[in-house]
Amino acid sequence: GEPEKRVLILGAGKVASGVAEYLGRSKSTTVAVASMFEDEAMAVAKNAARGKAVTCDLSRSGDKLRQLVEEADVVVSLLPAPLHPMVAEECISLKTDLVTASYESEEMQALRSSSEEAGVAILNEVGLDPGMDHMSAMKIIDDVHGRGGEIFSFSSVCGGLPAP
């Protein structure tokens, strides 16, 4: 069968349920969902075939973050962007890959060389905006260029509706 995989999702907000369901479709993948709130972690974890909920308060130093990262093959951080550098530092020290949905901050950019030296992939901007928003924009731009067109200006509201 498939090799066992262990995914850690940090955060149990609205995006987390879909991520847990998608990554947790395989019966060989365990998806651990960590949140400050046990009921939220449980609600998200149940979306995965092999989901488990973990309570973890990252605002308290020394809480379970290191142990959780150590037990994972990959970490998906859906936490607020200012918490990503702390998570990234643990991932780098434990040689665990990290995916975030946030824009790459200067603090995350500063970790690039240490992550490369450790052989740890840190993939930022994999969400709706940025992420799918950028991919759909490039699809449109590439299509226009492919037909010999030229773009003079481009704006995106990322799924929102502009005010009249």
Protein backbone atom coordinates (compact mmCIF):
# COMPACT_ATOMS: atom_id res chain seq x y z
CA GLY A 1 0.00 0.00 0.00
CA GLU A 2 0.84 3.65 0.20
CA PRO A 3 3.47 4.81 2.68
CA GLU A 4 2.12 6.40 5.85
CA LYS A 5 2.04 10.20 5.77
CA ARG A 6 1.55 12.59 8.68
CA VAL A 7 0.20 16.09 8.05
CA LEU A 8 -0.06 18.76 10.71
CA ILE A 9 -2.56 21.57 10.09
CA LEU A 10 -2.05 24.54 12.38
CA GLY A 11 -5.28 26.48 12.76
CA ALA A 12 -8.92 25.48 12.53
CA GLY A 13 -10.48 28.43 10.71
CA LYS A 14 -12.75 28.32 7.68
CA VAL A 15 -10.06 27.19 5.20
CA ALA A 16 -8.87 24.33 7.43
CA SER A 17 -11.90 22.06 6.88
CA GLY A 18 -11.36 21.88 3.13
CA VAL A 19 -7.63 21.35 3.55
CA ALA A 20 -8.20 18.53 6.06
CA GLU A 21 -10.76 16.88 3.79
CA TYR A 22 -8.54 17.09 0.71
CA LEU A 23 -5.29 16.01 2.35
CA GLY A 24 -7.07 13.43 4.48
CA ARG A 25 -8.76 11.51 1.66
CA SER A 26 -6.09 8.82 1.70
CA LYS A 27 -6.44 6.22 4.43
CA SER A 28 -2.63 6.21 4.68
CA THR A 29 -2.54 9.87 5.73
CA THR A 30 -3.05 11.01 9.30
CA VAL A 31 -4.12 14.64 9.59
CA ALA A 32 -3.54 16.27 12.96
CA VAL A 33 -5.39 19.57 13.42
CA ALA A 34 -4.02 21.88 16.10
CA SER A 35 -6.01 24.78 17.49
CA MET A 36 -6.34 26.74 20.71
CA PHE A 37 -9.93 25.53 20.80
CA GLU A 38 -10.56 21.81 21.13
CA ASP A 39 -14.07 21.93 19.65
CA GLU A 40 -12.80 23.72 16.52
CA ALA A 41 -9.91 21.28 16.08
CA MET A 42 -12.32 18.34 16.44
CA ALA A 43 -14.77 19.81 13.91
CA VAL A 44 -11.99 20.20 11.33
CA ALA A 45 -10.25 16.89 12.05
CA LYS A 46 -13.44 14.91 11.40
CA ASN A 47 -13.20 15.95 7.73
CA ALA A 48 -10.17 13.68 7.25
CA ALA A 49 -10.42 9.88 7.00
CA ARG A 50 -7.79 9.64 9.76
CA GLY A 51 -8.09 13.00 11.51
CA LYS A 52 -7.15 13.82 15.06
CA ALA A 53 -7.60 16.98 17.09
CA VAL A 54 -4.89 18.55 19.21
CA THR A 55 -5.15 21.54 21.52
CA CYS A 56 -2.18 23.89 21.26
CA ASP A 57 -1.81 27.53 22.29
CA LEU A 58 1.05 28.99 20.29
CA SER A 59 0.86 32.26 22.20
CA ARG A 60 2.32 30.42 25.20
CA SER A 61 5.98 29.64 24.73
CA GLY A 62 6.89 26.04 25.25
CA ASP A 63 3.47 24.74 24.28
CA LYS A 64 3.34 21.65 22.07
CA LEU A 65 4.57 23.14 18.79
CA ARG A 66 7.96 21.40 18.68
CA GLN A 67 6.45 18.01 19.54
CA LEU A 68 3.71 18.42 16.93
CA VAL A 69 6.16 19.41 14.18
CA GLU A 70 8.44 16.52 15.15
CA GLU A 71 5.55 14.09 14.58
CA ALA A 72 4.71 15.47 11.10
CA ASP A 73 6.06 14.91 7.61
CA VAL A 74 4.70 18.28 6.49
CA VAL A 75 3.14 21.26 8.27
CA VAL A 76 0.35 23.39 6.78
CA SER A 77 0.14 26.64 8.69
CA LEU A 78 -3.21 28.39 8.38
CA LEU A 79 -2.37 30.64 11.31
CA PRO A 80 -2.15 34.43 11.12
CA ALA A 81 0.92 35.45 9.10
CA PRO A 82 2.85 36.94 12.06
CA LEU A 83 3.03 33.43 13.59
CA HIS A 84 4.60 31.81 10.51
CA PRO A 85 8.24 32.70 11.34
CA MET A 86 7.99 30.91 14.70
CA VAL A 87 6.51 27.87 12.98
CA ALA A 88 9.11 28.04 10.19
CA GLU A 89 11.98 28.11 12.69
CA GLU A 90 10.71 24.90 14.31
CA CYS A 91 10.23 23.30 10.89
CA ILE A 92 13.77 24.25 9.86
CA SER A 93 15.29 22.91 13.08
CA LEU A 94 13.39 19.62 12.70
CA LYS A 95 13.81 19.39 8.89
CA THR A 96 10.06 19.37 8.24
CA ASP A 97 8.58 21.01 5.13
CA LEU A 98 6.10 23.88 5.59
CA VAL A 99 3.25 25.30 3.49
CA THR A 100 1.46 28.56 4.29
CA ALA A 101 -1.39 30.45 2.66
CA SER A 102 0.01 33.88 3.48
CA TYR A 103 2.07 36.39 1.56
CA GLU A 104 5.79 35.93 2.17
CA SER A 105 6.81 38.45 4.82
CA GLU A 106 10.29 39.92 5.26
CA GLU A 107 10.69 37.69 8.33
CA MET A 108 9.93 34.61 6.23
CA GLN A 109 12.27 35.79 3.47
CA ALA A 110 15.03 36.11 6.07
CA LEU A 111 14.70 32.37 6.79
CA ARG A 112 15.28 31.35 3.17
CA SER A 113 19.01 30.57 3.43
CA SER A 114 18.64 28.58 6.66
CA SER A 115 15.75 26.60 5.19
CA GLU A 116 17.76 25.87 2.03
CA GLU A 117 20.79 24.81 4.09
CA ALA A 118 18.55 22.46 6.10
CA GLY A 119 16.94 21.09 2.92
CA VAL A 120 13.51 22.24 4.09
CA ALA A 121 10.95 23.43 1.57
CA ILE A 122 8.94 26.44 2.69
CA LEU A 123 6.15 27.22 0.28
CA ASN A 124 4.27 30.46 0.93
CA GLU A 125 1.38 32.12 -0.86
CA VAL A 126 -0.61 28.93 -1.48
CA GLY A 127 -4.15 30.07 -0.78
CA LEU A 128 -6.90 32.06 -2.43
CA ASP A 129 -5.09 35.40 -2.38
CA PRO A 130 -2.28 34.97 -2.99
CA GLY A 131 -2.31 31.65 -4.76
CA MET A 132 -5.37 30.81 -6.81
CA ASP A 133 -5.86 34.52 -7.48
CA HIS A 134 -2.39 34.73 -9.02
CA MET A 135 -2.81 31.52 -11.03
CA SER A 136 -6.14 32.61 -12.52
CA ALA A 137 -4.66 36.03 -13.33
CA MET A 138 -1.72 34.41 -15.12
CA LYS A 139 -4.07 32.14 -17.06
CA ILE A 140 -5.86 35.22 -18.41
CA ILE A 141 -2.62 37.09 -19.10
CA ASP A 142 -1.01 34.09 -20.82
CA ASP A 143 -4.14 33.60 -22.95
CA VAL A 144 -4.08 37.24 -24.09
CA HIS A 145 -0.34 37.06 -24.86
CA GLY A 146 -0.81 33.72 -26.65
CA ARG A 147 -3.24 35.39 -29.04
CA GLY A 148 -0.78 38.23 -29.70
CA GLY A 149 -2.52 40.67 -27.40
CA GLU A 150 -0.97 43.19 -25.06
CA ILE A 151 -2.07 44.07 -21.53
CA PHE A 152 -1.76 47.67 -20.43
CA SER A 153 -3.32 47.33 -16.98
CA PHE A 154 -4.64 44.50 -14.82
CA SER A 155 -6.48 44.56 -11.49
CA SER A 156 -7.85 41.73 -9.40
CA VAL A 157 -10.33 41.87 -6.57
CA CYS A 158 -9.78 38.20 -5.67
CA GLY A 159 -13.33 36.98 -5.62
CA GLY A 160 -14.68 40.19 -4.17
CA LEU A 161 -17.01 42.60 -5.84
CA PRO A 162 -15.78 46.15 -6.34
CA ALA A 163 -17.96 48.88 -4.86
CA PRO A 164 -20.01 50.83 -7.42
